[in-house]
Structure formats: structure tokens, C-alpha cells
Amino acid sequence: MKILLTGGPGSGKTTQLESLEAYITTQNLNWIIHPEVSRGLQELQNPFTKEKVYDPANDPNTFTQAILVQRVEDFKKALLNTVNIYDRGLIDSLAYCKAYNCTEIQDLIDLCKENQYDLVIFFPFWSEIYTQDEGRCENNSQAKHISEVIYETLTQLEANFVVVPQDTVENRQIFLIDHINQVVDSKMTLL
């Protein structure tokens, strides 16, 4: 089973994932979280020059393509009989390409349609909690725009998605777990 957590930068997704990871551990659930790949790619350095390999602020197309390659690999590595939870995924790659006006996105649209998630959980932009950090190159208005493009992309792809309410971490946790369990239960009844 494949569950995607997505949303604009600074929407509280990372904080929620940390809370969800703690819950999975304490409950001893057969759920696995596939981490976001972009921050790891941002930290890659040329071993000779020590310069960063990717520059997302100045060359978002190359960076987005590198992320896509990793996300395809992660999608294919999903474990059977397990709830696979992805911190961003293929749909994010498409949305970011659209937000940054990349060319030739039809192949990416087809890739997303061929490799669908059982549930997508969307975290909308939340200006009150947004902060820019070293790994987040988008400013407030760019983050909001990306969030809007992700939502439009989910709608365009007719993805099975829910929108997380802007609420406390605890209440969001209940929302996530309830929706994930609904998908697990519906898949179990089909077996």
C-alpha cells in the first residue's frame, strides 16, 4: 500500500511526519516511511571541489530531474504487505516542474498516472507556520504558489486525496491515522 504525504513547503508536513514516525514505533506498526530525497541531494558535494552538486535556486530543472530519478526508485522499492508512506513523491516532481515551467511534462504526467498512490494526504500552505531555512529555498509567496500547483496537479490527476486541516499536531495525527487506516481496511476487505 502506498500513501503519499505532500504539500507546499512550510505546511507542517515534516513536523507531522516526525510525530507519525514516533507513533509507528510505539505502536509497532508494519508501516515504513520513505524519507524526502531533496535535502539529501542538496547536501551532495563534488569530492574534488567540495562545491554542491545541485543548485536548486539557480538550476531548478536539473535538481528536479535528479529528485525524480530517486523518487521513481523509491516508488518501485515499496514493500509488499506494508503501508509505505512517502514524504513527497512522483506527484511532487510533476507539480514542481509545472511550478518552475519545465518543458515536456507529458511524460511525467503519464508516469504519475501509471504509478498511483492508494491515498494522497495534502498539507496546504500555512503562512502562520511557514519558515524559510537552509534547505528551503522558496520564499513565502513561492511556497504558497507551489502548494497551489500541487493541489491543482492532484485534481488534474484525479488522485484519491484528502486535505489535512490546519490544526494541532495531535489533531492532525488523528486525521492522518484515521485516513490511513480507512485505506488499509478497504484494501483488506478486497483480499
C-alpha atoms as a PDB file:
ATOM      1  CA  MET A   1       0.000   0.000   0.000  1.00  0.00           C
ATOM      2  CA  LYS A   2       1.355   3.418  -0.980  1.00  0.00           C
ATOM      3  CA  ILE A   3       0.465   6.589   0.889  1.00  0.00           C
ATOM      4  CA  LEU A   4       1.873   9.941  -0.238  1.00  0.00           C
ATOM      5  CA  LEU A   5       2.264  12.946   2.051  1.00  0.00           C
ATOM      6  CA  THR A   6       2.610  16.116   0.039  1.00  0.00           C
ATOM      7  CA  GLY A   7       2.042  19.837   0.250  1.00  0.00           C
ATOM      8  CA  GLY A   8       3.697  23.170  -0.107  1.00  0.00           C
ATOM      9  CA  PRO A   9       6.927  23.997   1.661  1.00  0.00           C
ATOM     10  CA  GLY A  10       6.343  25.023   5.266  1.00  0.00           C
ATOM     11  CA  SER A  11       2.954  23.370   5.595  1.00  0.00           C
ATOM     12  CA  GLY A  12       3.882  21.369   8.707  1.00  0.00           C
ATOM     13  CA  LYS A  13       4.408  18.095   6.855  1.00  0.00           C
ATOM     14  CA  THR A  14       7.869  17.381   8.282  1.00  0.00           C
ATOM     15  CA  THR A  15       6.769  18.012  11.869  1.00  0.00           C
ATOM     16  CA  GLN A  16       3.782  15.749  11.297  1.00  0.00           C
ATOM     17  CA  LEU A  17       5.944  13.020   9.809  1.00  0.00           C
ATOM     18  CA  GLU A  18       8.206  13.086  12.868  1.00  0.00           C
ATOM     19  CA  SER A  19       5.145  12.653  15.074  1.00  0.00           C
ATOM     20  CA  LEU A  20       3.810   9.886  12.843  1.00  0.00           C
ATOM     21  CA  GLU A  21       7.159   8.094  12.933  1.00  0.00           C
ATOM     22  CA  ALA A  22       7.105   8.123  16.743  1.00  0.00           C
ATOM     23  CA  TYR A  23       3.547   6.745  16.687  1.00  0.00           C
ATOM     24  CA  ILE A  24       4.525   3.951  14.284  1.00  0.00           C
ATOM     25  CA  THR A  25       7.405   2.970  16.568  1.00  0.00           C
ATOM     26  CA  THR A  26       5.375   2.992  19.786  1.00  0.00           C
ATOM     27  CA  GLN A  27       2.515   1.062  18.188  1.00  0.00           C
ATOM     28  CA  ASN A  28       4.896  -1.383  16.486  1.00  0.00           C
ATOM     29  CA  LEU A  29       3.084  -0.961  13.175  1.00  0.00           C
ATOM     30  CA  ASN A  30       4.114  -2.539   9.899  1.00  0.00           C
ATOM     31  CA  TRP A  31       4.398   0.909   8.300  1.00  0.00           C
ATOM     32  CA  ILE A  32       7.535   2.328   6.730  1.00  0.00           C
ATOM     33  CA  ILE A  33       8.317   5.955   5.962  1.00  0.00           C
ATOM     34  CA  HIS A  34      10.293   6.686   2.810  1.00  0.00           C
ATOM     35  CA  PRO A  35      12.094   9.979   3.521  1.00  0.00           C
ATOM     36  CA  GLU A  36      12.174  13.048   1.305  1.00  0.00           C
ATOM     37  CA  VAL A  37      15.138  12.925  -1.074  1.00  0.00           C
ATOM     38  CA  SER A  38      15.643  16.594  -1.909  1.00  0.00           C
ATOM     39  CA  ARG A  39      17.528  17.644   1.216  1.00  0.00           C
ATOM     40  CA  GLY A  40      19.973  14.779   0.801  1.00  0.00           C
ATOM     41  CA  LEU A  41      20.582  15.761  -2.817  1.00  0.00           C
ATOM     42  CA  GLN A  42      21.088  19.380  -1.779  1.00  0.00           C
ATOM     43  CA  GLU A  43      23.890  18.280   0.537  1.00  0.00           C
ATOM     44  CA  LEU A  44      25.780  16.306  -2.136  1.00  0.00           C
ATOM     45  CA  GLN A  45      29.215  17.761  -2.820  1.00  0.00           C
ATOM     46  CA  ASN A  46      31.732  17.232  -5.583  1.00  0.00           C
ATOM     47  CA  PRO A  47      34.512  15.241  -3.832  1.00  0.00           C
ATOM     48  CA  PHE A  48      37.225  17.251  -5.577  1.00  0.00           C
ATOM     49  CA  THR A  49      35.936  20.812  -5.443  1.00  0.00           C
ATOM     50  CA  LYS A  50      33.668  20.460  -2.371  1.00  0.00           C
ATOM     51  CA  GLU A  51      31.087  22.527  -4.281  1.00  0.00           C
ATOM     52  CA  LYS A  52      27.472  21.466  -4.094  1.00  0.00           C
ATOM     53  CA  VAL A  53      26.411  19.216  -6.958  1.00  0.00           C
ATOM     54  CA  TYR A  54      22.944  20.776  -7.243  1.00  0.00           C
ATOM     55  CA  ASP A  55      21.842  24.386  -7.023  1.00  0.00           C
ATOM     56  CA  PRO A  56      18.030  24.318  -6.762  1.00  0.00           C
ATOM     57  CA  ALA A  57      17.703  28.093  -6.593  1.00  0.00           C
ATOM     58  CA  ASN A  58      19.606  28.738  -9.831  1.00  0.00           C
ATOM     59  CA  ASP A  59      19.036  25.477 -11.705  1.00  0.00           C
ATOM     60  CA  PRO A  60      15.713  24.032 -10.562  1.00  0.00           C
ATOM     61  CA  ASN A  61      15.255  21.877 -13.693  1.00  0.00           C
ATOM     62  CA  THR A  62      18.401  19.799 -13.130  1.00  0.00           C
ATOM     63  CA  PHE A  63      17.622  19.474  -9.435  1.00  0.00           C
ATOM     64  CA  THR A  64      14.022  18.429 -10.136  1.00  0.00           C
ATOM     65  CA  GLN A  65      15.180  15.754 -12.594  1.00  0.00           C
ATOM     66  CA  ALA A  66      17.622  14.311 -10.036  1.00  0.00           C
ATOM     67  CA  ILE A  67      14.834  14.170  -7.466  1.00  0.00           C
ATOM     68  CA  LEU A  68      12.530  12.438  -9.955  1.00  0.00           C
ATOM     69  CA  VAL A  69      15.038   9.656 -10.600  1.00  0.00           C
ATOM     70  CA  GLN A  70      15.285   8.967  -6.861  1.00  0.00           C
ATOM     71  CA  ARG A  71      11.507   9.106  -6.363  1.00  0.00           C
ATOM     72  CA  VAL A  72      10.909   6.556  -9.128  1.00  0.00           C
ATOM     73  CA  GLU A  73      13.396   4.230  -7.428  1.00  0.00           C
ATOM     74  CA  ASP A  74      11.680   4.739  -4.060  1.00  0.00           C
ATOM     75  CA  PHE A  75       8.247   4.070  -5.562  1.00  0.00           C
ATOM     76  CA  LYS A  76       9.487   0.784  -7.033  1.00  0.00           C
ATOM     77  CA  LYS A  77      11.039  -0.251  -3.693  1.00  0.00           C
ATOM     78  CA  ALA A  78       7.677  -0.338  -1.904  1.00  0.00           C
ATOM     79  CA  LEU A  79       7.438  -3.297   0.419  1.00  0.00           C
ATOM     80  CA  LEU A  80       4.557  -5.704  -0.055  1.00  0.00           C
ATOM     81  CA  ASN A  81       2.083  -6.213   2.777  1.00  0.00           C
ATOM     82  CA  THR A  82       3.295  -2.965   4.323  1.00  0.00           C
ATOM     83  CA  VAL A  83       1.985   0.571   4.488  1.00  0.00           C
ATOM     84  CA  ASN A  84       4.589   2.565   2.568  1.00  0.00           C
ATOM     85  CA  ILE A  85       4.394   6.252   3.454  1.00  0.00           C
ATOM     86  CA  TYR A  86       6.241   8.633   1.156  1.00  0.00           C
ATOM     87  CA  ASP A  87       7.458  12.066   2.179  1.00  0.00           C
ATOM     88  CA  ARG A  88       6.862  13.613  -1.245  1.00  0.00           C
ATOM     89  CA  GLY A  89       6.728  11.568  -4.419  1.00  0.00           C
ATOM     90  CA  LEU A  90       6.148  11.455  -8.146  1.00  0.00           C
ATOM     91  CA  ILE A  91       3.238  13.892  -7.993  1.00  0.00           C
ATOM     92  CA  ASP A  92       5.501  16.432  -6.289  1.00  0.00           C
ATOM     93  CA  SER A  93       8.012  16.133  -9.128  1.00  0.00           C
ATOM     94  CA  LEU A  94       5.278  16.887 -11.647  1.00  0.00           C
ATOM     95  CA  ALA A  95       3.937  19.804  -9.619  1.00  0.00           C
ATOM     96  CA  TYR A  96       7.376  21.332  -9.112  1.00  0.00           C
ATOM     97  CA  CYS A  97       8.063  21.006 -12.844  1.00  0.00           C
ATOM     98  CA  LYS A  98       4.811  22.832 -13.523  1.00  0.00           C
ATOM     99  CA  ALA A  99       5.621  25.491 -10.916  1.00  0.00           C
ATOM    100  CA  TYR A 100       9.074  26.076 -12.412  1.00  0.00           C
ATOM    101  CA  ASN A 101       7.799  25.919 -16.013  1.00  0.00           C
ATOM    102  CA  CYS A 102       9.844  22.896 -17.031  1.00  0.00           C
ATOM    103  CA  THR A 103       9.370  21.769 -20.598  1.00  0.00           C
ATOM    104  CA  GLU A 104       7.998  18.457 -21.824  1.00  0.00           C
ATOM    105  CA  ILE A 105       6.000  17.361 -18.786  1.00  0.00           C
ATOM    106  CA  GLN A 106       3.659  14.960 -20.610  1.00  0.00           C
ATOM    107  CA  ASP A 107       5.971  12.008 -19.861  1.00  0.00           C
ATOM    108  CA  LEU A 108       5.849  12.952 -16.204  1.00  0.00           C
ATOM    109  CA  ILE A 109       2.044  13.160 -16.284  1.00  0.00           C
ATOM    110  CA  ASP A 110       1.952   9.679 -17.828  1.00  0.00           C
ATOM    111  CA  LEU A 111       4.403   8.396 -15.191  1.00  0.00           C
ATOM    112  CA  CYS A 112       2.135   9.685 -12.410  1.00  0.00           C
ATOM    113  CA  LYS A 113      -0.946   8.112 -13.988  1.00  0.00           C
ATOM    114  CA  GLU A 114       0.821   4.760 -14.342  1.00  0.00           C
ATOM    115  CA  ASN A 115       2.182   4.792 -10.773  1.00  0.00           C
ATOM    116  CA  GLN A 116      -0.622   5.855  -8.479  1.00  0.00           C
ATOM    117  CA  TYR A 117      -0.759   6.078  -4.724  1.00  0.00           C
ATOM    118  CA  ASP A 118      -3.580   4.458  -2.773  1.00  0.00           C
ATOM    119  CA  LEU A 119      -4.034   7.707  -0.847  1.00  0.00           C
ATOM    120  CA  VAL A 120      -2.515  11.164  -1.068  1.00  0.00           C
ATOM    121  CA  ILE A 121      -2.558  13.342   2.040  1.00  0.00           C
ATOM    122  CA  PHE A 122      -2.213  17.012   1.128  1.00  0.00           C
ATOM    123  CA  PHE A 123      -0.888  19.635   3.547  1.00  0.00           C
ATOM    124  CA  PRO A 124      -1.970  23.090   2.313  1.00  0.00           C
ATOM    125  CA  PHE A 125       0.274  26.138   2.650  1.00  0.00           C
ATOM    126  CA  TRP A 126       0.021  27.639   6.136  1.00  0.00           C
ATOM    127  CA  SER A 127       1.526  31.127   6.307  1.00  0.00           C
ATOM    128  CA  GLU A 128       1.417  31.276  10.135  1.00  0.00           C
ATOM    129  CA  ILE A 129       3.878  28.390  10.491  1.00  0.00           C
ATOM    130  CA  TYR A 130       5.981  28.943   7.363  1.00  0.00           C
ATOM    131  CA  THR A 131       9.700  29.455   7.940  1.00  0.00           C
ATOM    132  CA  GLN A 132      12.488  29.569   5.408  1.00  0.00           C
ATOM    133  CA  ASP A 133      15.598  27.575   6.279  1.00  0.00           C
ATOM    134  CA  GLU A 134      18.836  26.439   4.651  1.00  0.00           C
ATOM    135  CA  GLY A 135      17.127  23.514   2.902  1.00  0.00           C
ATOM    136  CA  ARG A 136      14.091  25.503   1.796  1.00  0.00           C
ATOM    137  CA  CYS A 137      14.968  27.991  -0.915  1.00  0.00           C
ATOM    138  CA  GLU A 138      11.400  29.208  -1.555  1.00  0.00           C
ATOM    139  CA  ASN A 139      10.132  32.446  -0.059  1.00  0.00           C
ATOM    140  CA  ASN A 140       6.609  32.783   1.350  1.00  0.00           C
ATOM    141  CA  SER A 141       4.860  33.606  -1.950  1.00  0.00           C
ATOM    142  CA  GLN A 142       6.761  30.893  -3.841  1.00  0.00           C
ATOM    143  CA  ALA A 143       5.814  28.324  -1.192  1.00  0.00           C
ATOM    144  CA  LYS A 144       2.163  29.329  -1.479  1.00  0.00           C
ATOM    145  CA  HIS A 145       2.335  29.073  -5.274  1.00  0.00           C
ATOM    146  CA  ILE A 146       3.890  25.596  -5.102  1.00  0.00           C
ATOM    147  CA  SER A 147       1.158  24.485  -2.695  1.00  0.00           C
ATOM    148  CA  GLU A 148      -1.499  25.702  -5.136  1.00  0.00           C
ATOM    149  CA  VAL A 149       0.175  23.925  -8.051  1.00  0.00           C
ATOM    150  CA  ILE A 150       0.390  20.668  -6.077  1.00  0.00           C
ATOM    151  CA  TYR A 151      -3.335  20.908  -5.293  1.00  0.00           C
ATOM    152  CA  GLU A 152      -4.146  21.601  -8.964  1.00  0.00           C
ATOM    153  CA  THR A 153      -1.966  18.656 -10.005  1.00  0.00           C
ATOM    154  CA  LEU A 154      -3.748  16.291  -7.600  1.00  0.00           C
ATOM    155  CA  THR A 155      -7.062  17.422  -9.052  1.00  0.00           C
ATOM    156  CA  GLN A 156      -5.810  17.094 -12.644  1.00  0.00           C
ATOM    157  CA  LEU A 157      -4.583  13.544 -11.986  1.00  0.00           C
ATOM    158  CA  GLU A 158      -7.857  12.667 -10.221  1.00  0.00           C
ATOM    159  CA  ALA A 159      -5.803  11.383  -7.302  1.00  0.00           C
ATOM    160  CA  ASN A 160      -7.504   9.939  -4.247  1.00  0.00           C
ATOM    161  CA  PHE A 161      -6.572  12.701  -1.804  1.00  0.00           C
ATOM    162  CA  VAL A 162      -7.627  14.362   1.418  1.00  0.00           C
ATOM    163  CA  VAL A 163      -6.697  17.811   2.709  1.00  0.00           C
ATOM    164  CA  VAL A 164      -5.196  17.985   6.185  1.00  0.00           C
ATOM    165  CA  PRO A 165      -6.833  20.644   8.369  1.00  0.00           C
ATOM    166  CA  GLN A 166      -4.684  23.395   9.853  1.00  0.00           C
ATOM    167  CA  ASP A 167      -4.784  22.216  13.436  1.00  0.00           C
ATOM    168  CA  THR A 168      -2.565  20.976  16.244  1.00  0.00           C
ATOM    169  CA  VAL A 169      -0.016  18.237  15.609  1.00  0.00           C
ATOM    170  CA  GLU A 170      -2.117  15.912  17.786  1.00  0.00           C
ATOM    171  CA  ASN A 171      -5.343  16.545  15.862  1.00  0.00           C
ATOM    172  CA  ARG A 172      -3.575  16.247  12.536  1.00  0.00           C
ATOM    173  CA  GLN A 173      -2.118  12.952  13.746  1.00  0.00           C
ATOM    174  CA  ILE A 174      -5.587  11.589  14.447  1.00  0.00           C
ATOM    175  CA  PHE A 175      -6.696  12.747  10.982  1.00  0.00           C
ATOM    176  CA  LEU A 176      -3.745  11.013   9.290  1.00  0.00           C
ATOM    177  CA  ILE A 177      -4.072   7.753  11.173  1.00  0.00           C
ATOM    178  CA  ASP A 178      -7.838   7.590  10.594  1.00  0.00           C
ATOM    179  CA  HIS A 179      -7.450   8.092   6.836  1.00  0.00           C
ATOM    180  CA  ILE A 180      -4.548   5.667   6.511  1.00  0.00           C
ATOM    181  CA  ASN A 181      -6.474   3.028   8.465  1.00  0.00           C
ATOM    182  CA  GLN A 182      -9.517   3.539   6.222  1.00  0.00           C
ATOM    183  CA  VAL A 183      -7.385   2.714   3.182  1.00  0.00           C
ATOM    184  CA  VAL A 184      -5.807  -0.273   4.949  1.00  0.00           C
ATOM    185  CA  ASP A 185      -9.247  -1.570   5.958  1.00  0.00           C
ATOM    186  CA  SER A 186     -10.672  -1.119   2.446  1.00  0.00           C
ATOM    187  CA  LYS A 187      -7.718  -2.958   0.901  1.00  0.00           C
ATOM    188  CA  MET A 188      -8.048  -5.786   3.420  1.00  0.00           C
ATOM    189  CA  THR A 189     -11.711  -6.304   2.567  1.00  0.00           C
ATOM    190  CA  LEU A 190     -10.769  -6.678  -1.109  1.00  0.00           C
ATOM    191  CA  LEU A 191      -8.448  -9.610  -0.350  1.00  0.00           C
END
